[in-house]
Amino acid sequence: MADKDYLGWPFFEPRHAALERELDAWAAEQVRAAHGADVDSACRQLVRQLGEAGWLRHAVGGSAHGGALDAIDTRAICLIRETLARHNGLADFAFAMQGLGSGAISLFGDAAARQAWLPRVARGEAIAAFALSEPQAGSDVAAMQCAAAREGDSYVLNGEKTWISNGGIADFYVVFARDGAAEEAQGTQARGTRGISAFIVPADAPGLEIAERIQVIAPHPLARLRFDNCRIPAAMRLGEAGQGFKVAMATLDVFRTSVAAAALGFARRAFDEALAHARQRPMFGQTLADFQLTQAKLAQMATAIDSAALLTYRAAWQRDQGRKVTKEAAMAKMTATETAQQVIDAAVQMFGGLGVVSEHPVERLYREIRALRIYEGATEVQQLIIARELLREAA
């Protein structure tokens, strides 16, 4: 990637540009685009590589617990995801899930929880997962049915979670469940998103099983989880009882912006591939790049990428300044993922038949980008979030 002028934008400090350059050089040497049929093994290996090289230290908060800094640096996370996504979608996934899966511990865990899990996550020794979605409760978190019943010094979990990334290979899950005791304490108001609590559940906890492995178009570890009288110590709860929705949304505010950054990485790779192809592809006595139609398309692609990048790094910068970014993160996620889909589609079209050959770079990107428009809040949900925040501000 030749054009890195964006690293000079005022959103960044010199250390961010240095981080990107170092990671770009490392990824070019250490990360292969193809990962073969055994995706679980490939993902475990990537987590180990990222941990051993020190990149996962940026995925956790708190230098006392293995983090690169005292607090999560959203801009660093975004630059890492963008850079890894340009090289290898599964490497980006491996990094992102270490952050998302442990983010609630970084933000809300007590000292014991942070010490127990975060250093291992940062070293790549423990694989993390974030378990929020359910068969009938994806975007509608208020429809959650998974239940946590308080019994003395324990909680007993029953229910299911699905679409859980790292499901089947994770060492622990941050699980969100409807907390009966918290609901009772808060009364009928708790039946919405109130009354949900967050818990750390080790993968070997009795009563937790992998009910189904799920295969998707861009392969990565994914599963449906079942909890059958799964008993965990009450100390494994994250934050206050009934505050699980707050825990989930605060975590997503960090990593939703990084989804936009991953989409940028996919889009930039597609653009680079398309630009190189257009300059060398002979057609009717000239090159594909000599046609005005091609030039117009390249101009649209480049402009759309820069527009998405500005929204993405604005949101990352604002969060690092301690500002609320619910609206800005939603704008970034929506724009970057939709833009990347359009850019990658244009790149496939520019390659013609080559663009749909299995494992060609743009074909692989075409499969990888599609899920980003859905997970961590579909585009339509982002629109609702943006409108809700605008109306709240106006009131």
Protein backbone atom coordinates (compact mmCIF):
# COMPACT_ATOMS: atom_id res chain seq x y z
CA MET A 1 0.00 0.00 0.00
CA ALA A 2 1.74 3.14 -1.25
CA ASP A 3 -0.58 5.89 0.04
CA LYS A 4 -0.36 6.24 3.81
CA ASP A 5 -0.91 9.97 4.01
CA TYR A 6 -3.78 9.36 6.42
CA LEU A 7 -1.26 8.55 9.12
CA GLY A 8 -0.38 12.25 9.13
CA TRP A 9 -3.95 13.28 9.97
CA PRO A 10 -4.31 15.19 13.27
CA PHE A 11 -6.22 12.27 14.79
CA PHE A 12 -2.91 10.47 15.26
CA GLU A 13 0.25 10.88 17.32
CA PRO A 14 3.71 9.92 15.99
CA ARG A 15 3.56 6.66 17.95
CA HIS A 16 0.52 5.57 15.94
CA ALA A 17 2.33 5.95 12.61
CA ALA A 18 5.30 4.04 14.02
CA LEU A 19 2.97 1.28 15.24
CA GLU A 20 1.40 0.90 11.81
CA ARG A 21 4.75 0.76 10.01
CA GLU A 22 6.11 -1.86 12.40
CA LEU A 23 2.99 -4.03 12.18
CA ASP A 24 2.80 -3.73 8.38
CA ALA A 25 6.37 -5.01 8.06
CA TRP A 26 5.73 -7.82 10.56
CA ALA A 27 2.50 -8.94 8.87
CA ALA A 28 4.14 -8.99 5.44
CA GLU A 29 6.68 -11.48 6.80
CA GLN A 30 4.63 -13.52 9.28
CA VAL A 31 1.02 -13.70 8.08
CA ARG A 32 -0.07 -15.81 5.13
CA ALA A 33 -3.33 -15.03 3.36
CA ALA A 34 -4.36 -18.68 2.91
CA HIS A 35 -5.03 -20.78 6.00
CA GLY A 36 -6.17 -24.16 4.66
CA ALA A 37 -9.11 -26.27 5.77
CA ASP A 38 -8.38 -26.36 9.52
CA VAL A 39 -9.55 -22.90 10.51
CA ASP A 40 -9.49 -23.68 14.24
CA SER A 41 -5.79 -24.54 14.15
CA ALA A 42 -5.02 -21.54 11.96
CA CYS A 43 -6.81 -19.22 14.37
CA ARG A 44 -5.03 -20.66 17.40
CA GLN A 45 -1.70 -20.25 15.62
CA LEU A 46 -2.46 -16.64 14.71
CA VAL A 47 -3.40 -15.84 18.31
CA ARG A 48 -0.10 -17.31 19.47
CA GLN A 49 1.85 -15.37 16.83
CA LEU A 50 0.10 -12.10 17.67
CA GLY A 51 0.69 -12.68 21.37
CA GLU A 52 4.35 -13.63 21.05
CA ALA A 53 5.02 -10.58 18.87
CA GLY A 54 3.36 -8.29 21.43
CA TRP A 55 0.46 -7.08 19.27
CA LEU A 56 -2.22 -8.47 21.57
CA ARG A 57 -0.99 -6.18 24.33
CA HIS A 58 -2.93 -3.45 22.51
CA ALA A 59 -6.15 -5.48 22.72
CA VAL A 60 -6.33 -5.28 26.53
CA GLY A 61 -6.42 -2.32 28.88
CA GLY A 62 -4.07 -1.85 31.81
CA SER A 63 -0.28 -2.07 31.74
CA ALA A 64 -0.40 -3.78 35.14
CA HIS A 65 -2.26 -6.67 33.51
CA GLY A 66 -0.30 -7.09 30.29
CA GLY A 67 -1.70 -4.18 28.31
CA ALA A 68 0.46 -1.90 26.20
CA LEU A 69 -0.96 1.18 27.96
CA ASP A 70 -2.89 1.99 31.12
CA ALA A 71 -6.11 2.34 29.11
CA ILE A 72 -7.36 0.94 25.81
CA ASP A 73 -6.08 3.04 22.89
CA THR A 74 -8.91 2.93 20.36
CA ARG A 75 -6.82 4.48 17.59
CA ALA A 76 -4.13 1.83 18.03
CA ILE A 77 -6.73 -0.95 17.94
CA CYS A 78 -8.21 0.50 14.77
CA LEU A 79 -4.84 0.86 13.03
CA ILE A 80 -3.92 -2.71 13.98
CA ARG A 81 -7.21 -4.07 12.66
CA GLU A 82 -6.98 -2.08 9.43
CA THR A 83 -3.41 -3.24 8.82
CA LEU A 84 -4.09 -6.89 9.62
CA ALA A 85 -7.24 -6.88 7.48
CA ARG A 86 -5.20 -5.71 4.49
CA HIS A 87 -2.94 -8.74 4.91
CA ASN A 88 -5.23 -11.48 6.19
CA GLY A 89 -8.86 -11.46 7.29
CA LEU A 90 -8.39 -14.29 9.78
CA ALA A 91 -5.48 -12.47 11.44
CA ASP A 92 -7.73 -9.45 11.89
CA PHE A 93 -10.42 -11.72 13.34
CA ALA A 94 -7.96 -13.33 15.77
CA PHE A 95 -6.81 -9.94 17.07
CA ALA A 96 -10.31 -8.45 17.22
CA MET A 97 -11.83 -11.30 19.21
CA GLN A 98 -9.06 -11.16 21.80
CA GLY A 99 -10.05 -7.54 22.31
CA LEU A 100 -13.83 -7.91 22.15
CA GLY A 101 -13.84 -11.08 24.22
CA SER A 102 -11.76 -9.52 26.99
CA GLY A 103 -12.94 -5.91 26.61
CA ALA A 104 -15.58 -6.19 29.31
CA ILE A 105 -12.91 -7.45 31.72
CA SER A 106 -10.62 -4.54 30.82
CA LEU A 107 -13.43 -2.05 31.39
CA PHE A 108 -15.42 -3.59 34.26
CA GLY A 109 -13.44 -6.44 35.80
CA ASP A 110 -12.17 -6.24 39.35
CA ALA A 111 -8.47 -6.65 40.08
CA ALA A 112 -8.78 -10.42 40.50
CA ALA A 113 -10.57 -10.90 37.18
CA ARG A 114 -8.12 -8.69 35.32
CA GLN A 115 -5.12 -10.48 36.76
CA ALA A 116 -6.60 -13.91 36.09
CA TRP A 117 -7.39 -13.37 32.41
CA LEU A 118 -5.88 -10.28 30.79
CA PRO A 119 -2.17 -11.22 30.93
CA ARG A 120 -2.97 -14.58 29.33
CA VAL A 121 -5.04 -12.89 26.63
CA ALA A 122 -2.22 -10.44 25.93
CA ARG A 123 0.32 -13.27 25.60
CA GLY A 124 -1.95 -15.27 23.32
CA GLU A 125 -2.22 -18.06 25.88
CA ALA A 126 -5.98 -17.75 26.47
CA ILE A 127 -8.53 -17.29 23.68
CA ALA A 128 -11.46 -14.99 24.48
CA ALA A 129 -15.06 -14.84 23.25
CA PHE A 130 -18.03 -12.48 23.61
CA ALA A 131 -21.42 -14.21 23.99
CA LEU A 132 -24.34 -11.80 23.60
CA SER A 133 -26.51 -12.98 20.68
CA GLU A 134 -29.18 -15.66 20.99
CA PRO A 135 -31.34 -17.55 18.47
CA GLN A 136 -34.20 -15.09 19.03
CA ALA A 137 -32.22 -12.13 20.37
CA GLY A 138 -29.64 -10.70 18.02
CA SER A 139 -30.19 -7.00 17.44
CA ASP A 140 -33.04 -7.05 20.00
CA VAL A 141 -31.07 -7.53 23.21
CA ALA A 142 -34.24 -6.99 25.27
CA ALA A 143 -35.52 -10.33 23.93
CA MET A 144 -32.70 -12.21 25.68
CA GLN A 145 -33.83 -15.49 27.28
CA CYS A 146 -30.60 -16.95 28.69
CA ALA A 147 -31.10 -16.83 32.46
CA ALA A 148 -28.80 -16.55 35.46
CA ALA A 149 -30.25 -17.56 38.82
CA ARG A 150 -28.45 -16.56 42.01
CA GLU A 151 -27.96 -19.48 44.41
CA GLY A 152 -25.87 -18.51 47.42
CA ASP A 153 -22.33 -17.79 46.30
CA SER A 154 -23.02 -19.02 42.77
CA TYR A 155 -24.98 -18.23 39.64
CA VAL A 156 -26.61 -21.00 37.60
CA LEU A 157 -26.93 -20.30 33.87
CA ASN A 158 -29.50 -21.87 31.53
CA GLY A 159 -30.15 -21.10 27.89
CA GLU A 160 -28.35 -20.70 24.58
CA LYS A 161 -26.10 -18.28 22.76
CA THR A 162 -25.42 -18.35 19.03
CA TRP A 163 -23.20 -16.75 16.37
CA ILE A 164 -20.44 -16.79 18.96
CA SER A 165 -17.08 -16.08 17.34
CA ASN A 166 -14.28 -18.26 18.76
CA GLY A 167 -17.00 -20.64 19.89
CA GLY A 168 -15.42 -24.05 20.22
CA ILE A 169 -11.83 -22.84 20.67
CA ALA A 170 -12.21 -20.16 23.36
CA ASP A 171 -10.79 -20.66 26.84
CA PHE A 172 -13.46 -18.39 28.33
CA TYR A 173 -16.62 -16.56 27.34
CA VAL A 174 -18.03 -13.25 28.55
CA VAL A 175 -21.71 -14.22 28.74
CA PHE A 176 -24.73 -11.96 29.12
CA ALA A 177 -27.82 -13.38 30.82
CA ARG A 178 -31.07 -12.21 32.36
CA ASP A 179 -30.39 -11.98 36.10
CA GLY A 180 -33.50 -13.03 38.02
CA ALA A 181 -32.40 -11.46 41.29
CA ALA A 182 -31.57 -8.14 39.62
CA GLU A 183 -34.92 -8.11 37.81
CA GLU A 184 -36.79 -8.76 41.03
CA ALA A 185 -34.92 -5.96 42.79
CA GLN A 186 -35.69 -3.47 40.01
CA GLY A 187 -39.31 -4.52 39.46
CA THR A 188 -41.12 -4.57 36.12
CA GLN A 189 -38.79 -1.93 34.64
CA ALA A 190 -36.09 -4.58 34.43
CA ARG A 191 -37.83 -6.60 31.73
CA GLY A 192 -36.21 -4.61 28.93
CA THR A 193 -32.45 -4.31 28.76
CA ARG A 194 -32.29 -3.76 32.51
CA GLY A 195 -31.85 -6.83 34.66
CA ILE A 196 -29.13 -8.31 32.42
CA SER A 197 -25.81 -9.21 34.05
CA ALA A 198 -22.43 -10.14 32.56
CA PHE A 199 -20.35 -13.14 33.60
CA ILE A 200 -16.98 -14.73 32.87
CA VAL A 201 -17.58 -18.41 32.07
CA PRO A 202 -14.55 -20.69 31.62
CA ALA A 203 -14.87 -23.03 28.65
CA ASP A 204 -14.54 -26.06 30.92
CA ALA A 205 -17.33 -24.99 33.28
CA PRO A 206 -19.67 -27.98 33.91
CA GLY A 207 -22.95 -27.47 32.06
CA LEU A 208 -21.46 -25.47 29.18
CA GLU A 209 -21.37 -27.33 25.88
CA ILE A 210 -20.79 -26.53 22.23
CA ALA A 211 -24.21 -27.37 20.78
CA GLU A 212 -23.29 -26.69 17.14
CA ARG A 213 -20.40 -25.48 15.01
CA ILE A 214 -21.54 -22.99 12.37
CA GLN A 215 -19.98 -22.72 8.90
CA VAL A 216 -20.04 -19.35 7.13
CA ILE A 217 -18.79 -17.99 3.77
CA ALA A 218 -15.61 -16.52 5.25
CA PRO A 219 -14.55 -19.37 7.56
CA HIS A 220 -13.70 -18.64 11.18
CA PRO A 221 -14.46 -20.41 14.48
CA LEU A 222 -18.17 -19.93 15.18
CA ALA A 223 -20.60 -21.86 17.38
CA ARG A 224 -23.88 -22.12 19.24
CA LEU A 225 -23.45 -22.56 22.99
CA ARG A 226 -25.79 -24.31 25.39
CA PHE A 227 -25.89 -23.73 29.17
CA ASP A 228 -27.54 -26.51 31.17
CA ASN A 229 -27.41 -25.72 34.90
CA CYS A 230 -23.97 -24.22 34.35
CA ARG A 231 -22.78 -23.17 37.81
CA ILE A 232 -20.14 -20.45 38.24
CA PRO A 233 -18.96 -18.50 41.31
CA ALA A 234 -20.77 -15.21 41.91
CA ALA A 235 -17.33 -13.55 41.81
CA MET A 236 -17.31 -14.21 38.06
CA ARG A 237 -19.92 -11.52 37.52
CA LEU A 238 -18.61 -8.41 35.75
CA GLY A 239 -19.81 -5.09 37.10
CA GLU A 240 -22.94 -4.63 39.18
CA ALA A 241 -25.91 -6.95 39.03
CA GLY A 242 -28.34 -5.84 36.34
CA GLN A 243 -25.73 -3.67 34.59
CA GLY A 244 -24.86 -6.15 31.84
CA PHE A 245 -26.38 -4.08 29.05
CA LYS A 246 -24.17 -1.17 30.09
CA VAL A 247 -21.16 -3.52 30.07
CA ALA A 248 -22.02 -4.80 26.59
CA MET A 249 -22.62 -1.36 25.07
CA ALA A 250 -19.46 0.14 26.55
CA THR A 251 -17.46 -2.76 25.10
CA LEU A 252 -19.13 -2.42 21.71
CA ASP A 253 -18.49 1.34 21.64
CA VAL A 254 -14.77 0.51 21.58
CA PHE A 255 -14.83 -2.37 19.16
CA ARG A 256 -17.65 -1.23 16.87
CA THR A 257 -15.30 1.51 15.67
CA SER A 258 -12.65 -1.11 15.05
CA VAL A 259 -15.07 -3.04 12.80
CA ALA A 260 -15.07 0.07 10.63
CA ALA A 261 -11.27 -0.02 10.62
CA ALA A 262 -11.24 -3.67 9.51
CA ALA A 263 -13.61 -2.77 6.68
CA LEU A 264 -11.18 -0.01 5.70
CA GLY A 265 -8.38 -2.57 5.54
CA PHE A 266 -10.42 -4.80 3.26
CA ALA A 267 -11.38 -1.83 1.06
CA ARG A 268 -7.81 -0.53 0.79
CA ARG A 269 -6.54 -3.98 -0.22
CA ALA A 270 -9.26 -4.28 -2.86
CA PHE A 271 -8.45 -0.81 -4.18
CA ASP A 272 -4.73 -1.59 -4.36
CA GLU A 273 -5.45 -4.82 -6.24
CA ALA A 274 -7.83 -3.05 -8.65
CA LEU A 275 -5.45 -0.15 -9.29
CA ALA A 276 -2.52 -2.44 -10.06
CA HIS A 277 -4.67 -4.62 -12.30
CA ALA A 278 -6.10 -1.64 -14.22
CA ARG A 279 -2.63 -0.25 -14.92
CA GLN A 280 -1.30 -3.48 -16.41
CA ARG A 281 -4.35 -5.14 -18.01
CA PRO A 282 -4.14 -4.70 -21.80
CA MET A 283 -7.43 -3.96 -23.54
CA PHE A 284 -8.17 -2.75 -27.08
CA GLY A 285 -4.64 -1.52 -27.66
CA GLN A 286 -4.34 0.31 -24.35
CA THR A 287 -4.70 -0.53 -20.67
CA LEU A 288 -7.86 -0.82 -18.62
CA ALA A 289 -6.76 2.26 -16.70
CA ASP A 290 -6.80 4.37 -19.88
CA PHE A 291 -10.59 4.18 -20.12
CA GLN A 292 -12.55 7.02 -18.57
CA LEU A 293 -15.06 4.58 -17.10
CA THR A 294 -12.24 2.91 -15.17
CA GLN A 295 -10.81 6.24 -14.04
CA ALA A 296 -14.23 7.37 -12.79
CA LYS A 297 -14.65 4.16 -10.83
CA LEU A 298 -11.18 4.43 -9.27
CA ALA A 299 -11.94 8.03 -8.27
CA GLN A 300 -15.20 6.98 -6.61
CA MET A 301 -13.49 4.13 -4.76
CA ALA A 302 -10.66 6.31 -3.44
CA THR A 303 -13.00 9.10 -2.33
CA ALA A 304 -15.35 6.69 -0.57
CA ILE A 305 -12.44 5.08 1.30
CA ASP A 306 -11.14 8.43 2.53
CA SER A 307 -14.63 9.48 3.62
CA ALA A 308 -15.05 6.30 5.63
CA ALA A 309 -11.56 6.65 7.11
CA LEU A 310 -12.32 10.18 8.33
CA LEU A 311 -15.46 8.98 10.14
CA THR A 312 -13.64 5.97 11.57
CA TYR A 313 -10.67 7.81 13.00
CA ARG A 314 -12.83 10.68 14.22
CA ALA A 315 -14.77 8.20 16.36
CA ALA A 316 -11.57 6.52 17.56
CA TRP A 317 -9.98 9.87 18.45
CA GLN A 318 -13.10 11.07 20.26
CA ARG A 319 -13.26 7.94 22.39
CA ASP A 320 -9.59 8.32 23.29
CA GLN A 321 -10.43 11.85 24.47
CA GLY A 322 -12.95 10.33 26.90
CA ARG A 323 -16.02 11.40 24.94
CA LYS A 324 -19.16 9.35 24.37
CA VAL A 325 -19.07 7.95 20.82
CA THR A 326 -22.27 5.92 20.46
CA LYS A 327 -23.44 8.00 17.49
CA GLU A 328 -20.00 8.51 15.95
CA ALA A 329 -19.08 4.81 16.21
CA ALA A 330 -22.37 3.86 14.57
CA MET A 331 -21.77 6.34 11.74
CA ALA A 332 -18.27 4.96 11.22
CA LYS A 333 -19.32 1.33 11.31
CA MET A 334 -22.24 1.86 8.94
CA THR A 335 -20.32 3.97 6.43
CA ALA A 336 -17.09 1.97 6.39
CA THR A 337 -18.73 -1.44 6.01
CA GLU A 338 -21.16 -0.30 3.31
CA THR A 339 -18.35 1.54 1.50
CA ALA A 340 -16.04 -1.47 1.66
CA GLN A 341 -18.75 -3.70 0.18
CA GLN A 342 -19.12 -1.28 -2.75
CA VAL A 343 -15.37 -0.90 -3.28
CA ILE A 344 -14.74 -4.63 -3.19
CA ASP A 345 -17.64 -5.29 -5.57
CA ALA A 346 -16.17 -2.73 -7.98
CA ALA A 347 -12.78 -4.44 -7.72
CA VAL A 348 -14.30 -7.84 -8.52
CA GLN A 349 -16.04 -6.30 -11.53
CA MET A 350 -12.78 -4.77 -12.72
CA PHE A 351 -11.04 -8.15 -12.60
CA GLY A 352 -13.82 -9.80 -14.59
CA GLY A 353 -13.67 -13.61 -14.52
CA LEU A 354 -10.52 -13.60 -12.39
CA GLY A 355 -12.42 -11.78 -9.67
CA VAL A 356 -14.61 -14.80 -8.91
CA VAL A 357 -11.88 -17.44 -8.94
CA SER A 358 -11.75 -19.12 -5.55
CA GLU A 359 -9.07 -17.67 -3.22
CA HIS A 360 -8.18 -14.83 -5.57
CA PRO A 361 -7.52 -11.81 -3.29
CA VAL A 362 -10.65 -9.90 -4.36
CA GLU A 363 -12.82 -13.02 -4.25
CA ARG A 364 -11.65 -13.67 -0.71
CA LEU A 365 -12.33 -10.04 0.24
CA TYR A 366 -15.81 -10.31 -1.29
CA ARG A 367 -16.62 -13.12 1.14
CA GLU A 368 -14.89 -11.53 4.12
CA ILE A 369 -16.61 -8.14 3.95
CA ARG A 370 -20.18 -9.40 3.91
CA ALA A 371 -20.43 -10.35 7.59
CA LEU A 372 -19.12 -6.96 8.74
CA ARG A 373 -22.36 -5.32 7.57
CA ILE A 374 -24.21 -7.58 10.04
CA TYR A 375 -22.17 -8.34 13.16
CA GLU A 376 -21.84 -5.94 16.11
CA GLY A 377 -25.03 -4.31 14.88
CA ALA A 378 -26.34 -4.54 11.31
CA THR A 379 -26.38 -1.43 9.12
CA GLU A 380 -30.09 -0.96 9.80
CA VAL A 381 -29.46 -1.06 13.55
CA GLN A 382 -26.72 1.56 13.17
CA GLN A 383 -29.25 3.82 11.45
CA LEU A 384 -31.60 3.44 14.40
CA ILE A 385 -28.79 4.19 16.86
CA ILE A 386 -27.76 7.33 14.96
CA ALA A 387 -31.35 8.60 14.75
CA ARG A 388 -31.99 7.86 18.44
CA GLU A 389 -28.89 9.79 19.47
CA LEU A 390 -29.81 12.73 17.20
CA LEU A 391 -33.31 12.90 18.67
CA ARG A 392 -31.90 12.67 22.20
CA GLU A 393 -29.52 15.54 21.48
CA ALA A 394 -32.32 17.64 19.99
CA ALA A 395 -34.45 17.12 23.11
